[in-house]
């Protein structure tokens, strides 16, 4: 594994701002982000991710490998929370298991962006439609996580009086995070098809500001994760092991699917990274608002404090090596 490449991946502003937040807490700094701002930046990131995904989907169309790849990505975002929940229920209650399972069914934008940088360094081509898969994997994981809460923990919310499918579907499909992400995807898709000039006017907002907003958001996530690391320690080694082993398992499954889809090595890596990462934008925002019974330190610290740095430091080069081994003609 190339040490210089690992360092190049590490020294990106969003990652460094995340660790800046962690270090601030460890050193006892009084740095804090006022409550309204993290929510505002999380909504902006959802809008930008969805809008860019819609643009890419319009430009690439739905021919060739596009539709099968996106369909496989959505299926993974549905499947990962389900089997993750089964594993997590060995040690956790229904609320925490569902929140973490939804987190691991979703994706990490920074890990995806880092993987794109990795591919550029290796001079491996990749297609823009993978951004659409990035956007479309957020919503199903959130929906499954919320449905798991409704289905698996009704006895822990006795006041709800049993299962009400109308309320479940309304909450899952019209949750603010899901609605904004899917709606932004549609806005980008329709705008690119019918009003290209208006798209150009949006790009300074959705592209140029994105990296800075993500850095600011990760600064806050670093603070939040570090403040609750003690709770993660109290949960024992189970969650720590889950946060490392589940991405590895998901990467293996993703690699086999990429082989079946006959993806190029570049697209295969991005697909595997989507399968192996965990959300720290959409799902934490959704779970904070809709599942207050779940402990945020569990799903934030595992995804942001453990899985995220593991993928950035070791996961991406390891997944590329796995792809080169499994995919025919990858080398």
Protein backbone atom coordinates (compact mmCIF):
# COMPACT_ATOMS: atom_id res chain seq x y z
CA UNK A 1 0.00 0.00 0.00
CA UNK A 2 1.35 3.41 -1.04
CA UNK A 3 2.04 5.45 2.12
CA UNK A 4 2.16 8.74 0.22
CA UNK A 5 -1.27 8.01 -1.23
CA UNK A 6 -2.64 7.35 2.24
CA UNK A 7 -1.24 10.70 3.41
CA UNK A 8 -2.68 12.44 0.34
CA UNK A 9 -6.10 11.07 1.18
CA UNK A 10 -5.74 12.08 4.80
CA UNK A 11 -4.69 15.68 4.24
CA UNK A 12 -7.88 16.96 2.64
CA UNK A 13 -9.69 19.92 4.26
CA UNK A 14 -12.93 18.10 5.24
CA UNK A 15 -11.02 15.25 6.91
CA UNK A 16 -8.66 17.64 8.67
CA UNK A 17 -11.57 19.76 9.92
CA UNK A 18 -13.19 16.63 11.32
CA UNK A 19 -10.03 15.85 13.30
CA UNK A 20 -9.77 19.52 14.29
CA UNK A 21 -13.15 19.16 15.98
CA UNK A 22 -12.09 15.96 17.69
CA UNK A 23 -8.86 17.51 18.95
CA UNK A 24 -10.71 20.59 20.20
CA UNK A 25 -12.76 18.39 22.53
CA UNK A 26 -9.77 16.31 23.62
CA UNK A 27 -7.79 19.46 24.48
CA UNK A 28 -10.70 21.03 26.34
CA UNK A 29 -11.27 23.92 23.93
CA UNK A 30 -14.53 25.85 24.24
CA UNK A 31 -15.10 25.66 20.48
CA UNK A 32 -18.77 25.01 19.69
CA UNK A 33 -21.09 25.40 16.73
CA UNK A 34 -24.44 27.14 17.48
CA UNK A 35 -27.34 24.71 17.12
CA UNK A 36 -29.10 26.14 14.04
CA UNK A 37 -25.98 26.08 11.86
CA UNK A 38 -25.30 22.32 11.68
CA UNK A 39 -28.91 21.71 10.60
CA UNK A 40 -28.68 24.44 7.96
CA UNK A 41 -25.46 23.02 6.55
CA UNK A 42 -26.82 19.46 6.57
CA UNK A 43 -29.84 20.64 4.55
CA UNK A 44 -27.55 22.44 2.12
CA UNK A 45 -25.43 19.32 1.63
CA UNK A 46 -28.52 17.22 0.93
CA UNK A 47 -29.71 19.77 -1.64
CA UNK A 48 -26.33 19.95 -3.37
CA UNK A 49 -25.81 16.18 -3.45
CA UNK A 50 -29.28 15.60 -4.85
CA UNK A 51 -29.02 18.38 -7.45
CA UNK A 52 -25.67 17.20 -8.77
CA UNK A 53 -26.93 13.63 -8.89
CA UNK A 54 -29.88 14.74 -11.02
CA UNK A 55 -27.56 16.57 -13.44
CA UNK A 56 -25.33 13.54 -13.85
CA UNK A 57 -28.28 11.23 -14.36
CA UNK A 58 -29.67 13.50 -17.09
CA UNK A 59 -26.32 13.75 -18.85
CA UNK A 60 -25.61 10.00 -18.78
CA UNK A 61 -29.15 8.81 -19.47
CA UNK A 62 -30.35 5.38 -18.42
CA UNK A 63 -28.81 3.19 -21.12
CA UNK A 64 -26.06 0.60 -20.87
CA UNK A 65 -24.79 -0.04 -17.34
CA UNK A 66 -26.44 3.02 -15.82
CA UNK A 67 -29.80 1.58 -14.83
CA UNK A 68 -28.54 -1.83 -13.62
CA UNK A 69 -25.81 -0.16 -11.55
CA UNK A 70 -28.18 2.34 -9.94
CA UNK A 71 -30.71 -0.43 -9.29
CA UNK A 72 -28.01 -2.54 -7.63
CA UNK A 73 -26.95 0.44 -5.50
CA UNK A 74 -30.52 1.02 -4.33
CA UNK A 75 -30.95 -2.68 -3.54
CA UNK A 76 -27.78 -2.60 -1.45
CA UNK A 77 -29.07 0.44 0.44
CA UNK A 78 -32.19 -1.60 1.22
CA UNK A 79 -30.40 -4.84 2.09
CA UNK A 80 -27.53 -3.51 4.23
CA UNK A 81 -29.79 -2.02 6.94
CA UNK A 82 -31.77 -5.25 7.16
CA UNK A 83 -28.89 -7.63 7.80
CA UNK A 84 -27.03 -5.00 9.83
CA UNK A 85 -30.09 -4.71 12.09
CA UNK A 86 -30.09 -8.48 12.66
CA UNK A 87 -26.45 -8.32 13.76
CA UNK A 88 -26.92 -5.22 15.93
CA UNK A 89 -29.93 -6.63 17.78
CA UNK A 90 -27.63 -9.14 19.45
CA UNK A 91 -26.43 -6.33 21.74
CA UNK A 92 -28.62 -3.24 21.23
CA UNK A 93 -32.27 -2.22 21.65
CA UNK A 94 -34.50 -1.69 18.62
CA UNK A 95 -34.09 2.09 18.42
CA UNK A 96 -30.29 2.11 18.45
CA UNK A 97 -30.06 -0.93 16.18
CA UNK A 98 -32.38 0.68 13.62
CA UNK A 99 -30.55 4.03 13.69
CA UNK A 100 -27.13 2.42 13.21
CA UNK A 101 -28.45 0.03 10.56
CA UNK A 102 -29.88 2.95 8.56
CA UNK A 103 -26.57 4.79 8.89
CA UNK A 104 -24.64 1.88 7.41
CA UNK A 105 -27.13 1.39 4.59
CA UNK A 106 -26.49 4.95 3.47
CA UNK A 107 -23.30 6.56 2.15
CA UNK A 108 -20.44 8.94 2.94
CA UNK A 109 -19.98 11.76 0.43
CA UNK A 110 -16.43 12.55 1.53
CA UNK A 111 -15.37 8.92 1.21
CA UNK A 112 -16.85 8.92 -2.30
CA UNK A 113 -15.02 12.14 -3.20
CA UNK A 114 -11.77 10.73 -1.79
CA UNK A 115 -12.25 7.60 -3.88
CA UNK A 116 -12.66 9.79 -6.99
CA UNK A 117 -9.38 11.52 -6.12
CA UNK A 118 -7.75 8.11 -5.67
CA UNK A 119 -8.92 7.08 -9.15
CA UNK A 120 -7.61 10.30 -10.69
CA UNK A 121 -4.24 9.66 -9.07
CA UNK A 122 -4.22 6.13 -10.46
CA UNK A 123 -5.41 7.42 -13.87
CA UNK A 124 -8.44 5.15 -13.79
CA UNK A 125 -11.56 6.39 -15.55
CA UNK A 126 -14.97 6.51 -13.91
CA UNK A 127 -18.40 7.67 -15.03
CA UNK A 128 -20.43 10.61 -13.74
CA UNK A 129 -23.61 8.59 -13.33
CA UNK A 130 -22.15 7.09 -10.14
CA UNK A 131 -23.06 10.41 -8.47
CA UNK A 132 -26.71 9.57 -9.13
CA UNK A 133 -26.19 6.29 -7.27
CA UNK A 134 -24.67 8.33 -4.43
CA UNK A 135 -27.79 10.46 -4.17
CA UNK A 136 -30.26 7.61 -4.58
CA UNK A 137 -28.70 5.48 -1.82
CA UNK A 138 -29.55 8.00 0.89
CA UNK A 139 -33.33 7.73 0.83
CA UNK A 140 -33.89 3.93 0.88
CA UNK A 141 -31.60 3.49 3.88
CA UNK A 142 -33.44 6.19 5.82
CA UNK A 143 -36.79 4.65 4.92
CA UNK A 144 -35.69 1.18 6.00
CA UNK A 145 -34.27 2.56 9.25
CA UNK A 146 -37.52 4.35 10.09
CA UNK A 147 -39.60 1.32 9.16
CA UNK A 148 -37.43 -0.85 11.39
CA UNK A 149 -38.15 1.51 14.28
CA UNK A 150 -41.88 1.26 13.59
CA UNK A 151 -41.91 -2.51 13.09
CA UNK A 152 -39.34 -3.72 15.57
CA UNK A 153 -39.84 -1.41 18.53
CA UNK A 154 -43.60 -0.77 18.81
CA UNK A 155 -43.61 -2.17 22.34
CA UNK A 156 -41.12 0.55 23.29
CA UNK A 157 -43.49 3.23 21.97
CA UNK A 158 -46.71 1.99 23.55
CA UNK A 159 -48.48 5.31 23.19
CA UNK A 160 -48.59 4.90 19.42
CA UNK A 161 -51.27 2.22 19.73
CA UNK A 162 -49.87 -0.27 17.23
CA UNK A 163 -48.83 -0.11 13.62
CA UNK A 164 -50.37 2.60 11.43
CA UNK A 165 -49.11 2.07 7.93
CA UNK A 166 -50.28 5.45 6.68
CA UNK A 167 -48.27 7.25 9.34
CA UNK A 168 -45.26 5.00 8.76
CA UNK A 169 -45.16 5.66 5.02
CA UNK A 170 -45.78 9.39 5.50
CA UNK A 171 -42.91 9.67 7.94
CA UNK A 172 -40.60 7.56 5.78
CA UNK A 173 -41.34 9.16 2.41
CA UNK A 174 -41.95 12.75 3.53
CA UNK A 175 -39.29 13.00 6.20
CA UNK A 176 -37.55 16.32 5.59
CA UNK A 177 -34.16 14.80 4.72
CA UNK A 178 -35.63 12.23 2.32
CA UNK A 179 -37.95 14.76 0.69
CA UNK A 180 -35.21 17.35 0.12
CA UNK A 181 -32.73 14.82 -1.29
CA UNK A 182 -35.13 13.14 -3.71
CA UNK A 183 -36.71 16.48 -4.63
CA UNK A 184 -33.31 18.02 -5.37
CA UNK A 185 -32.45 15.02 -7.55
CA UNK A 186 -35.61 15.62 -9.58
CA UNK A 187 -34.94 19.36 -9.79
CA UNK A 188 -31.44 18.72 -11.15
CA UNK A 189 -32.71 16.14 -13.63
CA UNK A 190 -35.50 18.37 -14.98
CA UNK A 191 -33.38 21.52 -15.03
CA UNK A 192 -30.60 19.89 -17.02
CA UNK A 193 -33.12 18.68 -19.58
CA UNK A 194 -35.15 21.86 -20.00
CA UNK A 195 -33.16 24.87 -18.79
CA UNK A 196 -29.36 24.44 -19.10
CA UNK A 197 -28.77 28.15 -18.57
CA UNK A 198 -30.41 28.02 -15.15
CA UNK A 199 -28.15 25.10 -14.22
CA UNK A 200 -25.10 27.27 -14.88
CA UNK A 201 -26.44 29.83 -12.42
CA UNK A 202 -26.82 27.14 -9.74
CA UNK A 203 -23.33 25.69 -10.06
CA UNK A 204 -21.54 28.36 -7.96
CA UNK A 205 -23.93 27.48 -5.13
CA UNK A 206 -23.99 23.68 -5.47
CA UNK A 207 -20.35 23.16 -6.53
CA UNK A 208 -18.12 25.97 -5.29
CA UNK A 209 -19.60 26.14 -1.79
CA UNK A 210 -19.97 22.41 -1.31
CA UNK A 211 -16.47 21.60 -0.10
CA UNK A 212 -16.46 24.45 2.41
CA UNK A 213 -19.91 23.55 3.74
CA UNK A 214 -18.87 19.92 4.07
CA UNK A 215 -15.74 20.97 5.97
CA UNK A 216 -17.83 23.07 8.35
CA UNK A 217 -20.31 20.22 8.82
CA UNK A 218 -17.50 17.76 9.56
CA UNK A 219 -15.99 20.17 12.07
CA UNK A 220 -19.27 19.97 13.98
CA UNK A 221 -19.46 16.19 13.54
CA UNK A 222 -15.94 15.87 14.92
CA UNK A 223 -16.98 17.81 18.01
CA UNK A 224 -20.15 15.75 18.46
CA UNK A 225 -18.37 12.43 17.94
CA UNK A 226 -15.54 13.26 20.35
CA UNK A 227 -17.97 14.46 23.01
CA UNK A 228 -19.70 11.07 22.97
CA UNK A 229 -16.73 8.72 22.57
CA UNK A 230 -17.14 7.79 26.22
CA UNK A 231 -20.59 6.42 25.45
CA UNK A 232 -19.13 4.36 22.61
CA UNK A 233 -16.56 2.92 24.98
CA UNK A 234 -19.33 2.02 27.38
CA UNK A 235 -21.01 0.06 24.59
CA UNK A 236 -18.00 -2.24 24.54
CA UNK A 237 -16.01 -3.78 21.74
CA UNK A 238 -19.08 -4.96 19.86
CA UNK A 239 -19.80 -1.63 18.13
CA UNK A 240 -16.11 -1.01 17.49
CA UNK A 241 -15.83 -4.37 15.76
CA UNK A 242 -19.05 -3.74 13.85
CA UNK A 243 -17.80 -0.36 12.60
CA UNK A 244 -14.77 -2.01 10.97
CA UNK A 245 -15.98 -5.49 10.02
CA UNK A 246 -19.33 -4.49 8.50
CA UNK A 247 -17.72 -2.16 5.91
CA UNK A 248 -15.30 -4.94 4.97
CA UNK A 249 -18.17 -7.39 4.51
CA UNK A 250 -20.18 -4.84 2.51
CA UNK A 251 -17.12 -4.16 0.35
CA UNK A 252 -16.82 -7.87 -0.44
CA UNK A 253 -20.50 -8.07 -1.38
CA UNK A 254 -20.17 -4.90 -3.46
CA UNK A 255 -17.13 -6.27 -5.29
CA UNK A 256 -19.00 -9.44 -6.24
CA UNK A 257 -21.94 -7.37 -7.49
CA UNK A 258 -19.56 -5.15 -9.48
CA UNK A 259 -18.11 -8.28 -11.08
CA UNK A 260 -21.60 -9.44 -12.01
CA UNK A 261 -22.37 -6.03 -13.54
CA UNK A 262 -19.07 -6.07 -15.46
CA UNK A 263 -18.17 -2.62 -14.17
CA UNK A 264 -14.88 -1.00 -15.03
CA UNK A 265 -12.33 -0.90 -12.17
CA UNK A 266 -13.02 2.81 -11.60
CA UNK A 267 -16.79 2.46 -11.42
CA UNK A 268 -16.37 -0.72 -9.38
CA UNK A 269 -14.34 1.13 -6.74
CA UNK A 270 -16.95 3.88 -6.45
CA UNK A 271 -19.71 1.27 -6.19
CA UNK A 272 -17.81 -0.63 -3.49
CA UNK A 273 -17.12 2.59 -1.56
CA UNK A 274 -20.84 3.39 -1.63
CA UNK A 275 -21.58 -0.07 -0.22
CA UNK A 276 -18.86 0.08 2.43
CA UNK A 277 -19.30 3.63 3.74
CA UNK A 278 -21.75 4.99 6.28
CA UNK A 279 -23.72 8.23 6.36
CA UNK A 280 -22.87 11.22 8.55
CA UNK A 281 -25.10 13.73 6.74
CA UNK A 282 -28.62 12.59 5.85
CA UNK A 283 -29.15 9.68 8.22
CA UNK A 284 -27.82 11.34 11.40
CA UNK A 285 -29.99 14.38 10.63
CA UNK A 286 -33.04 12.20 10.03
CA UNK A 287 -32.46 10.00 13.08
CA UNK A 288 -31.89 12.96 15.36
CA UNK A 289 -35.27 14.39 14.36
CA UNK A 290 -37.34 11.20 14.15
CA UNK A 291 -35.75 8.69 16.56
CA UNK A 292 -34.89 10.67 19.70
CA UNK A 293 -34.77 7.41 21.69
CA UNK A 294 -31.59 6.38 19.84
CA UNK A 295 -28.26 7.51 21.29
CA UNK A 296 -26.57 9.81 18.71
CA UNK A 297 -23.15 8.85 20.05
CA UNK A 298 -23.64 5.33 18.76
CA UNK A 299 -24.54 6.05 15.14
CA UNK A 300 -22.42 9.20 14.82
CA UNK A 301 -19.31 7.86 16.54
CA UNK A 302 -19.33 4.54 14.71
CA UNK A 303 -19.88 6.07 11.27
CA UNK A 304 -17.85 9.25 11.67
CA UNK A 305 -15.32 8.32 14.35
CA UNK A 306 -14.48 4.78 13.24
CA UNK A 307 -15.76 3.73 9.80
CA UNK A 308 -14.99 7.04 8.10
CA UNK A 309 -11.29 7.29 9.07
CA UNK A 310 -10.85 3.54 8.45
CA UNK A 311 -12.13 3.92 4.90
CA UNK A 312 -10.10 7.05 4.25
CA UNK A 313 -6.83 5.64 5.58
CA UNK A 314 -6.98 1.96 4.64
CA UNK A 315 -10.30 1.05 3.08
CA UNK A 316 -10.02 2.67 -0.35
CA UNK A 317 -6.60 1.17 -1.25
CA UNK A 318 -7.71 -2.17 0.22
CA UNK A 319 -10.94 -2.16 -1.81
CA UNK A 320 -8.96 -1.35 -4.97
CA UNK A 321 -6.68 -4.31 -4.30
CA UNK A 322 -9.75 -6.52 -3.82
CA UNK A 323 -11.23 -5.28 -7.10
CA UNK A 324 -7.98 -5.97 -8.94
CA UNK A 325 -8.07 -9.51 -7.58
CA UNK A 326 -11.74 -10.31 -8.24
CA UNK A 327 -12.60 -8.42 -11.44
CA UNK A 328 -11.37 -10.10 -14.61
CA UNK A 329 -8.90 -7.96 -16.49
CA UNK A 330 -8.78 -5.28 -13.78
CA UNK A 331 -5.00 -5.17 -13.70
